[in-house]
Each structure stands twice: as structure tokens, then as C-alpha cells.
Amino acid sequence: MPQAPAAGVAPVTPRLSLLGVPVDLTTREAALARCRGAILGLEGPLQVVTLNPEMVVWAGRAPELAETIRRAGLVLADGSGISWAVRRMGSRLPDRIPGADFLVDLCAVCAQMGRSVFLLGGREGVAEAAYQRLRQLAPGLELAGAFSPRPEELEEAADLVRASGASVVAVALGVPRQDLWLGRHLAASGCRVGIGVGGSLDYLSGRVRRAPEPLRRAGLEWSWRLLRQPWRLTRMARGSVFFWRVLRESGR
């Protein structure tokens, strides 16, 4: 059933509770409008979560991650599994919003507004290579900084981001670290928008080839990932629990 947005966040779009965590039933345009407003200071720092089935399952076992997702100002349906679950729960999702695509859109907004982006995470050199691609996709984009922190450097990373003056921080630390980091440090980082981007920097840098567009449109990007990265089978098996739980919940 619909759920109210987190405290301090304008109720722009309906929010569905999905196995204990929210997902916003929003269009890409409305989501970007929220980010523009946050960059302009019209609301508090905006954490953007790109939700997928594995994250939902993980949140069921990790209370801090579940609470972080519930408190996030914007929770996007990233992937066909979430889209299917929303339909199964009797709601309609206006847009499926893959995180990698939304990052490009958000960078284009920053370029238009003359604001800079900080890329946090990824292997050494990946963020810089991803930025070069983002500059092609979002001409005029300014990079405030890039940092690939070791685990012991995560706490001090917020100070580095704040010193850069960035308006947006894109965090590629993997689930759940990237979302937990944003939940703990977004305000201290000085950024107006923070988004967890998973493997998006790997795609943009060219280190990992993304699925062809027809597969992405059909919601079959997962099959491409599995074909090229068989080690993902274990992760996908964990995520399969999500589908059984949705079926059970929707059948009540």
C-alpha cells in the first residue's frame, strides 16, 4: 500500500512499500526535477537509491540498510525485477529508471546548471576514465574530484568531498556500503545530491561492457551480465528470494 515519503521531503510522487522498503512511483523527468530542486537548495540533501531485488533482500537482513533506504528522499526502480514486483503488488510504475542511465541524466543536469560532480569509489583510475565518457555524454560537465578510498579511508572521504565544493556525489562502493555511506555522510559531504551508482563507473569507463540496447529495453540486462560474468550467479541466486517473497506477499 502507498507509504508517505520520508520526513522533510515534499510528497511529489506516490511511494509504494515493497517488502519493507519503499520505491517511488515516479517518472524519470520528475526524479530529475527533484534533483534540480535539491541542487538549488529547495529541500535538504537528497539521497538517491537505485533499488534492485538483491538490495531488497539484503535490507531484510540488515536493519541499518533498510532504515537508510526508508529515509532516502528518492528511491528509483532500477531493473526489471522491481518493475515486475510493483505490478504484482497492484501498482503502476511510470518508468523503470536504470541507475547507470540516471547518472548520465543527472550529470547533464549538473552541466546545464554549472555544478560539479564528485566520483567516489571504483578501482584506481576507473572514476577518471568514467568522467571522460561522462564529459562526452554531458558536455561541459565539471569534475570536482575522484577518489578510490580504501576501507580505512571511508570515514575521511566526506571531508575530501566537502573541500571539493561538489554539488553531487556519485558513490560506487557496491551494496550496501555505498548507500550506508551516503546515509551517514551525505550531509557532512556538503553535496546537495548523493546517489549510489554500483557498477555504473565500470560501464562508463569501458572496463565492463554493458548489455546492448535491445536487451536493456526488454529488461534482460541481467542475462547479459550473467553471460559475461558467471560469478554473478551466486548473487542472482540470493536475489531470487525476492521473487518468492513478492509472490507470497501479493497472494495474501
Protein backbone atom coordinates (compact mmCIF):
# COMPACT_ATOMS: atom_id res chain seq x y z
CA MET A 1 0.00 0.00 0.00
CA PRO A 2 1.20 3.58 -0.60
CA GLN A 3 3.52 5.00 2.02
CA ALA A 4 4.32 8.60 2.95
CA PRO A 5 7.70 9.99 1.88
CA ALA A 6 10.46 10.43 4.45
CA ALA A 7 10.26 13.38 6.83
CA GLY A 8 11.22 16.68 5.28
CA VAL A 9 10.66 15.51 1.72
CA ALA A 10 7.90 17.01 -0.41
CA PRO A 11 5.26 14.41 -1.38
CA VAL A 12 5.80 14.77 -5.11
CA THR A 13 5.03 11.19 -6.17
CA PRO A 14 3.38 8.18 -4.53
CA ARG A 15 5.64 5.76 -2.70
CA LEU A 16 4.99 2.01 -2.52
CA SER A 17 6.17 -0.21 0.34
CA LEU A 18 7.83 -3.28 -1.15
CA LEU A 19 8.81 -5.99 1.34
CA GLY A 20 9.56 -3.36 3.96
CA VAL A 21 11.41 -0.82 1.83
CA PRO A 22 9.99 1.94 -0.36
CA VAL A 23 10.08 2.53 -4.09
CA ASP A 24 8.92 5.80 -5.65
CA LEU A 25 6.38 5.51 -8.46
CA THR A 26 7.97 8.33 -10.39
CA THR A 27 8.91 9.27 -13.92
CA ARG A 28 12.49 9.98 -14.89
CA GLU A 29 11.60 13.62 -15.52
CA ALA A 30 10.02 14.03 -12.08
CA ALA A 31 13.03 12.37 -10.43
CA LEU A 32 15.40 14.75 -12.21
CA ALA A 33 13.21 17.68 -11.18
CA ARG A 34 13.63 16.58 -7.55
CA CYS A 35 17.40 16.56 -8.04
CA ARG A 36 17.35 20.02 -9.60
CA GLY A 37 15.36 21.31 -6.66
CA ALA A 38 17.76 19.78 -4.17
CA ILE A 39 20.76 21.27 -6.00
CA LEU A 40 19.05 24.66 -5.76
CA GLY A 41 18.50 24.14 -2.04
CA LEU A 42 14.72 23.76 -2.23
CA GLU A 43 14.95 20.71 0.04
CA GLY A 44 17.56 19.14 2.26
CA PRO A 45 20.37 16.96 0.89
CA LEU A 46 18.73 14.34 -1.31
CA GLN A 47 19.90 10.73 -1.15
CA VAL A 48 19.02 8.75 -4.27
CA VAL A 49 18.82 4.95 -4.00
CA THR A 50 18.77 2.82 -7.15
CA LEU A 51 16.79 -0.16 -5.88
CA ASN A 52 17.17 -3.70 -7.21
CA PRO A 53 15.95 -7.10 -5.91
CA GLU A 54 19.27 -8.03 -4.30
CA MET A 55 19.21 -4.80 -2.30
CA VAL A 56 15.68 -5.51 -1.07
CA VAL A 57 16.74 -8.97 0.15
CA TRP A 58 19.84 -7.52 1.79
CA ALA A 59 17.74 -4.88 3.55
CA GLY A 60 15.60 -7.64 5.03
CA ARG A 61 18.69 -8.90 6.85
CA ALA A 62 20.36 -5.55 7.61
CA PRO A 63 18.22 -3.13 9.64
CA GLU A 64 20.55 -0.16 9.05
CA LEU A 65 20.33 -0.59 5.27
CA ALA A 66 16.53 -0.90 5.44
CA GLU A 67 16.30 2.27 7.52
CA THR A 68 18.70 4.09 5.18
CA ILE A 69 16.52 3.23 2.18
CA ARG A 70 13.36 4.28 4.03
CA ARG A 71 14.95 7.64 4.89
CA ALA A 72 16.25 8.30 1.37
CA GLY A 73 14.44 11.10 -0.41
CA LEU A 74 14.28 9.29 -3.74
CA VAL A 75 14.19 5.52 -4.33
CA LEU A 76 14.27 4.59 -8.02
CA ALA A 77 13.18 1.31 -9.59
CA ASP A 78 16.44 0.07 -11.10
CA GLY A 79 15.83 -3.10 -13.06
CA SER A 80 13.04 -5.26 -14.39
CA GLY A 81 12.68 -7.22 -11.14
CA ILE A 82 11.46 -4.17 -9.24
CA SER A 83 9.14 -3.24 -12.12
CA TRP A 84 7.63 -6.72 -12.03
CA ALA A 85 7.18 -6.58 -8.27
CA VAL A 86 5.41 -3.21 -8.42
CA ARG A 87 2.94 -4.61 -10.97
CA ARG A 88 2.49 -7.76 -8.91
CA MET A 89 1.62 -5.62 -5.89
CA GLY A 90 -1.14 -3.96 -7.92
CA SER A 91 0.52 -0.61 -8.68
CA ARG A 92 1.81 1.01 -11.85
CA LEU A 93 5.38 2.16 -12.32
CA PRO A 94 5.53 5.11 -14.75
CA ASP A 95 9.18 4.50 -15.63
CA ARG A 96 11.89 1.96 -14.97
CA ILE A 97 14.99 4.06 -14.24
CA PRO A 98 18.31 2.18 -14.54
CA GLY A 99 20.91 3.75 -12.28
CA ALA A 100 23.56 3.95 -15.00
CA ASP A 101 21.21 5.94 -17.25
CA PHE A 102 20.04 8.17 -14.43
CA LEU A 103 23.63 9.04 -13.54
CA VAL A 104 24.17 10.31 -17.08
CA ASP A 105 20.94 12.33 -16.89
CA LEU A 106 21.95 13.78 -13.52
CA CYS A 107 25.36 14.76 -14.87
CA ALA A 108 23.65 16.50 -17.79
CA VAL A 109 21.57 18.47 -15.28
CA CYS A 110 24.76 19.45 -13.43
CA ALA A 111 26.40 20.55 -16.67
CA GLN A 112 23.37 22.70 -17.53
CA MET A 113 23.35 24.26 -14.07
CA GLY A 114 27.11 24.83 -13.94
CA ARG A 115 27.50 22.48 -10.96
CA SER A 116 30.21 19.89 -10.39
CA VAL A 117 30.22 16.16 -9.60
CA PHE A 118 32.49 14.12 -7.35
CA LEU A 119 33.03 10.44 -8.24
CA LEU A 120 33.75 8.33 -5.16
CA GLY A 121 34.73 4.68 -5.43
CA GLY A 122 35.61 2.22 -8.15
CA ARG A 123 39.02 0.77 -8.78
CA GLU A 124 42.01 3.04 -9.24
CA GLY A 125 41.67 5.02 -12.47
CA VAL A 126 38.07 3.93 -13.16
CA ALA A 127 36.45 7.16 -11.96
CA GLU A 128 38.73 9.31 -14.09
CA ALA A 129 38.04 7.21 -17.18
CA ALA A 130 34.30 7.28 -16.45
CA TYR A 131 34.44 11.06 -16.20
CA GLN A 132 35.90 11.35 -19.69
CA ARG A 133 32.93 9.40 -21.03
CA LEU A 134 30.51 11.48 -18.98
CA ARG A 135 32.02 14.63 -20.49
CA GLN A 136 31.08 13.28 -23.93
CA LEU A 137 27.55 12.44 -22.83
CA ALA A 138 27.08 15.63 -20.78
CA PRO A 139 29.19 18.34 -22.47
CA GLY A 140 30.51 20.93 -20.07
CA LEU A 141 30.36 18.70 -17.02
CA GLU A 142 32.90 19.67 -14.35
CA LEU A 143 34.59 17.04 -12.21
CA ALA A 144 35.16 18.31 -8.68
CA GLY A 145 37.24 15.27 -7.79
CA ALA A 146 37.64 11.50 -7.92
CA PHE A 147 38.76 9.23 -5.11
CA SER A 148 39.03 5.45 -4.77
CA PRO A 149 39.14 5.03 -0.98
CA ARG A 150 40.48 2.07 0.93
CA PRO A 151 38.12 0.82 3.66
CA GLU A 152 40.03 2.71 6.35
CA GLU A 153 39.67 5.96 4.34
CA LEU A 154 35.88 5.93 4.04
CA GLU A 155 35.27 8.00 7.16
CA GLU A 156 37.51 10.84 6.00
CA ALA A 157 36.17 10.79 2.42
CA ALA A 158 33.32 13.14 3.36
CA ASP A 159 35.82 15.87 4.24
CA LEU A 160 37.53 15.44 0.87
CA VAL A 161 34.21 15.71 -0.95
CA ARG A 162 33.22 18.80 1.04
CA ALA A 163 36.52 20.51 0.27
CA SER A 164 35.93 19.93 -3.45
CA GLY A 165 32.77 22.05 -3.49
CA ALA A 166 30.84 19.45 -5.48
CA SER A 167 27.04 19.65 -5.67
CA VAL A 168 26.58 15.95 -6.45
CA VAL A 169 28.49 12.90 -5.23
CA ALA A 170 28.16 9.60 -7.13
CA VAL A 171 29.26 6.73 -4.89
CA ALA A 172 30.42 3.42 -6.39
CA LEU A 173 31.25 1.29 -3.35
CA GLY A 174 28.81 -1.53 -4.01
CA VAL A 175 25.79 -2.57 -1.97
CA PRO A 176 25.35 -1.96 0.90
CA ARG A 177 28.45 0.20 1.52
CA GLN A 178 27.57 2.97 -0.95
CA ASP A 179 24.07 3.55 0.43
CA LEU A 180 25.19 3.28 4.05
CA TRP A 181 28.00 5.76 3.37
CA LEU A 182 25.53 8.23 1.90
CA GLY A 183 23.10 7.73 4.77
CA ARG A 184 25.86 8.51 7.27
CA HIS A 185 27.88 11.15 5.42
CA LEU A 186 25.84 12.94 2.73
CA ALA A 187 25.08 15.95 4.91
CA ALA A 188 28.70 16.20 6.06
CA SER A 189 29.93 15.97 2.46
CA GLY A 190 28.30 19.30 1.62
CA CYS A 191 26.69 17.85 -1.52
CA ARG A 192 23.07 18.56 -2.33
CA VAL A 193 22.51 15.18 -4.04
CA GLY A 194 24.15 11.82 -3.40
CA ILE A 195 23.50 8.72 -5.47
CA GLY A 196 24.73 5.13 -5.18
CA VAL A 197 25.77 4.04 -8.65
CA GLY A 198 27.07 0.47 -8.20
CA GLY A 199 28.92 -0.68 -11.32
CA SER A 200 27.99 2.33 -13.44
CA LEU A 201 31.52 3.74 -13.39
CA ASP A 202 32.84 0.42 -14.72
CA TYR A 203 30.42 0.66 -17.65
CA LEU A 204 31.23 4.29 -18.36
CA SER A 205 34.98 3.72 -18.13
CA GLY A 206 34.78 0.89 -20.67
CA ARG A 207 36.23 -1.63 -18.18
CA VAL A 208 32.97 -3.61 -18.35
CA ARG A 209 30.83 -3.78 -21.47
CA ARG A 210 27.16 -3.01 -20.90
CA ALA A 211 24.33 -5.04 -22.46
CA PRO A 212 23.21 -3.97 -25.94
CA GLU A 213 20.33 -1.51 -26.03
CA PRO A 214 17.69 -4.04 -27.23
CA LEU A 215 18.37 -6.25 -24.20
CA ARG A 216 18.21 -3.26 -21.86
CA ARG A 217 14.87 -2.14 -23.32
CA ALA A 218 13.50 -5.66 -22.89
CA GLY A 219 14.57 -5.76 -19.24
CA LEU A 220 17.07 -8.56 -19.92
CA GLU A 221 20.28 -6.81 -18.95
CA TRP A 222 20.68 -9.34 -16.13
CA SER A 223 21.10 -12.16 -18.68
CA TRP A 224 23.94 -10.31 -20.39
CA ARG A 225 25.67 -9.73 -17.06
CA LEU A 226 25.37 -13.40 -16.17
CA LEU A 227 26.73 -14.49 -19.55
CA ARG A 228 29.79 -12.25 -19.30
CA GLN A 229 30.27 -12.52 -15.53
CA PRO A 230 29.26 -16.06 -14.45
CA TRP A 231 30.38 -15.33 -10.90
CA ARG A 232 27.19 -13.23 -10.58
CA LEU A 233 25.15 -16.45 -10.41
CA THR A 234 25.59 -16.60 -6.63
CA ARG A 235 24.39 -13.02 -6.25
CA MET A 236 21.42 -13.64 -8.52
CA ALA A 237 20.54 -16.76 -6.57
CA ARG A 238 20.40 -14.63 -3.42
CA GLY A 239 18.19 -12.17 -5.27
CA SER A 240 15.79 -14.92 -6.35
CA VAL A 241 14.45 -14.97 -2.77
CA PHE A 242 12.95 -11.58 -3.61
CA PHE A 243 10.62 -13.02 -6.25
CA TRP A 244 9.29 -15.74 -3.94
CA ARG A 245 8.62 -13.20 -1.21
CA VAL A 246 6.78 -10.89 -3.59
CA LEU A 247 4.64 -13.77 -4.82
CA ARG A 248 3.83 -14.72 -1.26
CA GLU A 249 3.09 -11.15 -0.21
CA SER A 250 0.95 -10.33 -3.26
CA GLY A 251 -1.06 -13.55 -2.81
CA ARG A 252 -2.35 -12.59 0.60
